[in-house]
C-alpha atoms as a PDB file:
ATOM      1  CA  MET A   1     -24.586   9.142  -5.854  1.00  0.00           C
ATOM      2  CA  LYS A   2     -24.926  11.929  -7.355  1.00  0.00           C
ATOM      3  CA  LYS A   3     -27.517  13.368  -9.975  1.00  0.00           C
ATOM      4  CA  ASP A   4     -27.578  16.189 -12.785  1.00  0.00           C
ATOM      5  CA  SER A   5     -30.879  17.864 -12.821  1.00  0.00           C
ATOM      6  CA  LYS A   6     -32.608  14.815 -15.297  1.00  0.00           C
ATOM      7  CA  GLY A   7     -32.350  12.535 -12.513  1.00  0.00           C
ATOM      8  CA  ASP A   8     -28.854  10.626 -13.999  1.00  0.00           C
ATOM      9  CA  ARG A   9     -25.147   9.834 -12.432  1.00  0.00           C
ATOM     10  CA  THR A  10     -22.472  11.555 -13.163  1.00  0.00           C
ATOM     11  CA  LEU A  11     -19.587   9.945 -14.904  1.00  0.00           C
ATOM     12  CA  LYS A  12     -17.962  11.144 -11.764  1.00  0.00           C
ATOM     13  CA  SER A  13     -19.942   9.037  -9.035  1.00  0.00           C
ATOM     14  CA  ILE A  14     -19.927   5.779 -11.537  1.00  0.00           C
ATOM     15  CA  LEU A  15     -15.877   5.814 -12.043  1.00  0.00           C
ATOM     16  CA  GLY A  16     -16.384   6.602  -8.288  1.00  0.00           C
ATOM     17  CA  ASP A  17     -18.084   4.193  -7.518  1.00  0.00           C
ATOM     18  CA  PHE A  18     -16.789   1.178 -10.295  1.00  0.00           C
ATOM     19  CA  VAL A  19     -13.233   1.844  -8.212  1.00  0.00           C
ATOM     20  CA  GLN A  20     -14.093   1.243  -4.794  1.00  0.00           C
ATOM     21  CA  GLN A  21     -15.983  -2.300  -5.716  1.00  0.00           C
ATOM     22  CA  ARG A  22     -12.958  -5.133  -3.739  1.00  0.00           C
ATOM     23  CA  PRO A  23     -10.610  -5.549  -6.580  1.00  0.00           C
ATOM     24  CA  ILE A  24      -9.967  -2.491  -7.285  1.00  0.00           C
ATOM     25  CA  ALA A  25      -9.605  -1.043  -4.409  1.00  0.00           C
ATOM     26  CA  LYS A  26      -6.905  -3.586  -3.567  1.00  0.00           C
ATOM     27  CA  GLY A  27      -5.445  -2.858  -6.488  1.00  0.00           C
ATOM     28  CA  TYR A  28      -5.350   0.369  -5.804  1.00  0.00           C
ATOM     29  CA  ASP A  29      -3.872  -0.358  -2.440  1.00  0.00           C
ATOM     30  CA  GLN A  30      -1.248  -2.424  -3.413  1.00  0.00           C
ATOM     31  CA  VAL A  31       0.735   0.317  -5.920  1.00  0.00           C
ATOM     32  CA  ASP A  32      -0.321   3.114  -2.792  1.00  0.00           C
ATOM     33  CA  VAL A  33       2.553   1.291  -0.830  1.00  0.00           C
ATOM     34  CA  GLN A  34       5.001   0.380  -2.765  1.00  0.00           C
ATOM     35  CA  LYS A  35       4.250   4.575  -3.679  1.00  0.00           C
ATOM     36  CA  PHE A  36       4.909   5.399  -0.363  1.00  0.00           C
ATOM     37  CA  TRP A  37       7.372   2.050   0.042  1.00  0.00           C
ATOM     38  CA  ALA A  38       9.578   4.524  -2.043  1.00  0.00           C
ATOM     39  CA  GLU A  39       8.881   7.785  -1.326  1.00  0.00           C
ATOM     40  CA  GLU A  40       9.836   6.822   2.412  1.00  0.00           C
ATOM     41  CA  MET A  41      12.664   5.409   2.354  1.00  0.00           C
ATOM     42  CA  GLY A  42      14.473   6.778  -0.427  1.00  0.00           C
ATOM     43  CA  VAL A  43      16.332   5.505  -3.414  1.00  0.00           C
ATOM     44  CA  THR A  44      19.740   3.322  -1.662  1.00  0.00           C
ATOM     45  CA  ILE A  45      17.160   1.537   0.408  1.00  0.00           C
ATOM     46  CA  ASN A  46      14.292   0.771  -3.227  1.00  0.00           C
ATOM     47  CA  LYS A  47      17.165   0.139  -5.067  1.00  0.00           C
ATOM     48  CA  TYR A  48      17.507  -2.609  -3.180  1.00  0.00           C
ATOM     49  CA  THR A  49      14.128  -3.698  -2.574  1.00  0.00           C
ATOM     50  CA  GLN A  50      13.094  -5.966  -4.668  1.00  0.00           C
ATOM     51  CA  SER A  51       9.227  -6.055  -4.045  1.00  0.00           C
ATOM     52  CA  ILE A  52       6.794  -5.060  -1.648  1.00  0.00           C
ATOM     53  CA  ASN A  53       2.797  -7.175  -1.773  1.00  0.00           C
ATOM     54  CA  LEU A  54       0.126  -6.689   0.000  1.00  0.00           C
ATOM     55  CA  ARG A  55      -2.622  -8.869   0.143  1.00  0.00           C
ATOM     56  CA  ASN A  56      -5.291  -9.810   4.031  1.00  0.00           C
ATOM     57  CA  GLY A  57      -3.309  -7.408   5.563  1.00  0.00           C
ATOM     58  CA  THR A  58       0.129  -7.679   5.388  1.00  0.00           C
ATOM     59  CA  VAL A  59       2.296  -6.923   3.439  1.00  0.00           C
ATOM     60  CA  THR A  60       5.447  -8.131   2.310  1.00  0.00           C
ATOM     61  CA  ILE A  61       9.000  -7.208   1.637  1.00  0.00           C
ATOM     62  CA  ARG A  62      12.034  -8.009  -0.415  1.00  0.00           C
ATOM     63  CA  ILE A  63      14.468  -7.388  -0.540  1.00  0.00           C
ATOM     64  CA  LYS A  64      18.004  -8.475  -1.900  1.00  0.00           C
ATOM     65  CA  SER A  65      20.696  -7.683   0.335  1.00  0.00           C
ATOM     66  CA  ILE A  66      20.935  -9.618   3.281  1.00  0.00           C
ATOM     67  CA  PRO A  67      23.108  -6.626   5.756  1.00  0.00           C
ATOM     68  CA  LEU A  68      19.965  -4.677   4.364  1.00  0.00           C
ATOM     69  CA  ARG A  69      17.780  -7.294   5.243  1.00  0.00           C
ATOM     70  CA  SER A  70      18.716  -7.690   8.500  1.00  0.00           C
ATOM     71  CA  GLU A  71      18.371  -4.094   9.826  1.00  0.00           C
ATOM     72  CA  LEU A  72      15.655  -3.869   8.590  1.00  0.00           C
ATOM     73  CA  GLN A  73      13.879  -6.493  10.171  1.00  0.00           C
ATOM     74  CA  TYR A  74      15.957  -4.760  13.610  1.00  0.00           C
ATOM     75  CA  SER A  75      13.237  -1.429  12.694  1.00  0.00           C
ATOM     76  CA  LYS A  76      10.203  -3.710  11.866  1.00  0.00           C
ATOM     77  CA  ASP A  77       7.808  -2.889  14.452  1.00  0.00           C
ATOM     78  CA  LYS A  78       8.810   0.998  13.261  1.00  0.00           C
ATOM     79  CA  LEU A  79       7.857  -0.173  10.117  1.00  0.00           C
ATOM     80  CA  LEU A  80       4.475  -1.150  10.932  1.00  0.00           C
ATOM     81  CA  LYS A  81       3.657   1.740  12.434  1.00  0.00           C
ATOM     82  CA  LEU A  82       4.494   4.091  10.167  1.00  0.00           C
ATOM     83  CA  LEU A  83       2.235   2.081   7.176  1.00  0.00           C
ATOM     84  CA  GLN A  84      -0.521   1.429   9.835  1.00  0.00           C
ATOM     85  CA  GLN A  85      -0.356   5.151  10.143  1.00  0.00           C
ATOM     86  CA  GLU A  86      -0.954   6.099   6.545  1.00  0.00           C
ATOM     87  CA  PHE A  87      -3.069   3.272   5.833  1.00  0.00           C
ATOM     88  CA  GLY A  88      -5.141   2.547   8.709  1.00  0.00           C
ATOM     89  CA  TYR A  89      -4.725  -0.304  11.388  1.00  0.00           C
ATOM     90  CA  GLU A  90      -7.359  -2.220   8.932  1.00  0.00           C
ATOM     91  CA  LYS A  91      -6.140  -1.963   6.327  1.00  0.00           C
ATOM     92  CA  ILE A  92      -1.984  -3.144   6.844  1.00  0.00           C
ATOM     93  CA  LYS A  93      -1.983  -5.414   9.936  1.00  0.00           C
ATOM     94  CA  GLU A  94       1.525  -7.197   9.774  1.00  0.00           C
ATOM     95  CA  ILE A  95       5.036  -6.898   7.932  1.00  0.00           C
ATOM     96  CA  ASN A  96       7.205 -10.061   7.128  1.00  0.00           C
ATOM     97  CA  ILE A  97      10.793  -8.462   5.175  1.00  0.00           C
ATOM     98  CA  TYR A  98      12.127 -11.421   3.280  1.00  0.00           C
END
């Protein structure tokens, strides 16, 4: 914890501790996964992506297009490795595509 010359914590350190609290950190992870998906998959795939959720190490992706969903199912292992490399193996353990 950072302290100023009077021994008080700085606003930056307080906000940093606040953001690291479990429910808030999970929310940031969720947003980061959604942002990463949009950037990596591009406009076309993102247009057919209905939702992306991260819960208990499982990323659940809902796709509107049946042919695209099938194609992504075949690439599931590759997508999992891509997400794990970006966010860590401890945060992303599984991927489900519906």
